[in-house]
Each structure stands twice: as structure tokens, then as C-alpha cells.
Protein backbone atom coordinates (compact mmCIF):
# COMPACT_ATOMS: atom_id res chain seq x y z
CA UNK A 1 -1.52 75.50 -188.23
CA UNK A 2 -3.15 75.09 -191.71
CA UNK A 3 -0.15 73.15 -193.04
CA UNK A 4 -0.50 70.56 -190.27
CA UNK A 5 -4.25 70.30 -190.80
CA UNK A 6 -3.81 69.56 -194.50
CA UNK A 7 -0.99 67.10 -193.79
CA UNK A 8 -3.06 65.30 -191.17
CA UNK A 9 -6.06 65.08 -193.53
CA UNK A 10 -3.79 63.60 -196.19
CA UNK A 11 -2.38 61.03 -193.74
CA UNK A 12 -5.86 60.01 -192.59
CA UNK A 13 -6.97 59.56 -196.20
CA UNK A 14 -3.85 57.61 -197.15
CA UNK A 15 -4.06 55.20 -194.22
CA UNK A 16 -7.84 54.76 -194.56
CA UNK A 17 -7.33 53.67 -198.19
CA UNK A 18 -4.56 51.26 -197.12
CA UNK A 19 -6.72 49.90 -194.29
CA UNK A 20 -9.62 49.31 -196.69
CA UNK A 21 -7.39 47.66 -199.29
CA UNK A 22 -5.86 45.42 -196.63
CA UNK A 23 -9.37 44.49 -195.52
CA UNK A 24 -10.18 43.44 -199.10
CA UNK A 25 -7.21 41.05 -199.13
CA UNK A 26 -7.99 39.76 -195.64
CA UNK A 27 -11.46 38.86 -196.91
CA UNK A 28 -9.99 37.28 -200.02
CA UNK A 29 -7.41 35.10 -198.27
CA UNK A 30 -8.29 34.66 -194.59
CA UNK A 31 -12.08 34.93 -194.17
CA UNK A 32 -12.45 31.17 -193.63
CA UNK A 33 -9.60 30.99 -191.13
CA UNK A 34 -9.89 34.15 -189.06
CA UNK A 35 -12.11 36.95 -187.92
CA UNK A 36 -11.34 40.58 -187.19
CA UNK A 37 -12.85 44.00 -186.74
CA UNK A 38 -12.09 46.89 -189.05
CA UNK A 39 -9.95 49.26 -186.97
CA UNK A 40 -11.36 52.75 -186.57
CA UNK A 41 -7.87 54.09 -185.88
CA UNK A 42 -4.28 52.96 -185.72
CA UNK A 43 -2.29 50.92 -188.21
CA UNK A 44 -3.13 47.37 -187.16
CA UNK A 45 -5.69 44.61 -187.56
CA UNK A 46 -6.10 42.16 -184.67
CA UNK A 47 -6.96 38.70 -186.02
CA UNK A 48 -8.57 35.84 -184.13
CA UNK A 49 -8.10 32.43 -185.71
CA UNK A 50 -11.19 30.25 -185.90
CA UNK A 51 -9.37 27.05 -184.90
CA UNK A 52 -11.24 25.05 -182.25
CA UNK A 53 -7.99 24.64 -180.35
CA UNK A 54 -5.96 27.89 -180.23
CA UNK A 55 -2.60 27.71 -181.92
CA UNK A 56 0.58 29.31 -180.64
CA UNK A 57 1.05 32.25 -182.97
CA UNK A 58 4.72 32.48 -181.96
CA UNK A 59 5.20 29.15 -183.74
CA UNK A 60 3.09 30.34 -186.68
CA UNK A 61 5.38 33.38 -186.97
CA UNK A 62 8.40 31.11 -187.48
CA UNK A 63 6.66 29.45 -190.44
CA UNK A 64 5.41 32.78 -191.82
CA UNK A 65 8.90 34.32 -191.72
CA UNK A 66 10.09 31.52 -194.03
CA UNK A 67 7.68 33.08 -196.57
CA UNK A 68 8.77 36.67 -195.83
CA UNK A 69 5.61 37.42 -193.86
CA UNK A 70 5.81 39.00 -190.42
CA UNK A 71 3.22 39.78 -187.77
CA UNK A 72 3.13 40.29 -184.03
CA UNK A 73 2.08 37.17 -182.08
CA UNK A 74 -0.76 37.73 -179.65
CA UNK A 75 0.48 35.74 -176.67
CA UNK A 76 2.66 38.53 -175.18
CA UNK A 77 -0.35 40.88 -175.12
CA UNK A 78 -2.22 38.76 -172.55
CA UNK A 79 -1.84 39.61 -168.87
CA UNK A 80 -1.93 35.92 -167.94
CA UNK A 81 0.67 33.57 -169.35
CA UNK A 82 -1.06 31.64 -172.14
CA UNK A 83 0.41 28.71 -174.04
CA UNK A 84 -1.53 29.58 -177.18
CA UNK A 85 -4.09 32.25 -177.94
CA UNK A 86 -4.66 31.94 -181.70
CA UNK A 87 -4.56 35.73 -182.10
CA UNK A 88 -2.11 38.11 -183.70
CA UNK A 89 -1.62 41.65 -184.94
CA UNK A 90 -1.00 42.66 -188.56
CA UNK A 91 0.29 46.06 -189.67
CA UNK A 92 -1.15 47.42 -192.90
CA UNK A 93 0.77 50.70 -193.18
CA UNK A 94 3.91 49.61 -195.01
CA UNK A 95 2.80 46.98 -197.52
CA UNK A 96 1.89 47.90 -201.07
CA UNK A 97 -1.05 46.21 -202.79
CA UNK A 98 1.00 43.38 -204.30
CA UNK A 99 2.64 42.67 -200.94
CA UNK A 100 -0.75 42.64 -199.22
CA UNK A 101 -2.14 40.14 -201.72
CA UNK A 102 0.84 37.78 -201.81
CA UNK A 103 1.69 38.12 -198.12
CA UNK A 104 -1.82 37.36 -196.89
CA UNK A 105 -2.09 34.46 -199.35
CA UNK A 106 1.17 33.05 -197.94
CA UNK A 107 -0.05 33.56 -194.38
CA UNK A 108 -3.30 31.73 -195.16
CA UNK A 109 -1.26 28.82 -196.55
CA UNK A 110 0.89 28.73 -193.40
CA UNK A 111 -2.24 28.56 -191.23
CA UNK A 112 -3.81 25.84 -193.39
CA UNK A 113 -0.66 23.74 -193.45
CA UNK A 114 -0.33 23.98 -189.67
């Protein structure tokens, strides 16, 4: 269906732009604290914190929520029960540019302040 093809192309373009903008703000705010790969598909970045001792991202989420920042902790994604993995998932599809900038800056502060 030509209508679906055009709609799909528009969605791909829209989410690619959002992914790339989110990547810009990840670099700006979190490049010293985390590493990640640019996703080739989907709506999420998977971040790995550079801490020598992994932190429990479930506890980090509690602090981040106090600053209106949410993410998905990584611990539940592991097959083995881990106390702390220092990894988490961020969605880039809903945030506008201002929210990306301020939210990732707040998240970086939460990580720095332990």
C-alpha cells in the first residue's frame, strides 16, 4: 500500500532524527560517565556506566524520578540475579529537545552525586 510506505518512511525519518538528537545530548551530558552504541533500530539506547564497581540502577532510578527523569533499570534484563549491573535503557521517542537536554543533564547529576 503506497500510503503505508510513505507513512513508514516518515516514521523512520522522524525517529532517526530523534535518535540522533538524543545521541547529541548523551554526548554532551553523559560521555564521561557512560558508554553506549547508537541503535540501528528501535526506540532505546542501552547505557553502560563506567563506574569501576557497578551501581544498582534500580536505586539510581529512585533518585532520577525525584528530578522527573525515568529510565528502565538494567538488572531485570539479566538472566542471572545480579545485585547491580550499572546498565539501563533510555527511550528517546517521546522527549522533545528541551526535555532531552535537561533530563540527561539531571541524570548525569544523579549519577555524579551517587
